[in-house]
Amino acid sequence: GSSDVVLDDTYKEYLFTFNNMHPATDNVRFTVNFRDGGSSYDATKTTTNFSAYHNEAGGTQAVGYNASHDLAQSTSDLNLSAGLGNDNDQSLSGYLHLFNPSSTTFAKHFMSNTNTSERSDFTENMYVAGYCNVTVAIDGVQFKMSSGNIDAGDICLYGIA
């Protein structure tokens, strides 16, 4: 399943926090998509994505741009993580800021930072930013795994005046 959140124009900024998100299925990505007034979570997005990672056994680490994870005018779900593991000690934590989702003039900008206990025993810190390229209000946000269900975890929403 997914976690769907309905938004209104009460706040200019919304902060979502993710705490110990655990998938039911191994090697899946934690994703987000936005609803722009219709019934589907398919707002057009342009994004950028980079990460830093390190293997817990040592030796393998890197920082780099993830061209295969960014979106260019796409309605697809946006990856907020690498291949998340479903071992008992693996999970994801992080946050997503969404700015001025009720604007009917400007694109809706967002930024996310997550840290993942990755399927191959890596820690991966992923940075994602972009905008919903629509001039209608964003009235809903949906978080889900790329496959399977969210097994456990907390998603909290904060409105920032």
Foldseek 3Di string as FASTA:
>chain_A
DKDKDFADQPFQKKKKKWFFFAFPDFFWFKWKFFDFPDDDRFFFKFKWKKKWKAAPVGDDIDTDTDPVQTDDRGRDIHGPDGGAGRDPPWGKIWMKMWGRQQALQAWIKMKIWMWTCHNNRMTMIMIMIITRHHNHGGGMMMIAIPDHGRPDIDMDMDGDD
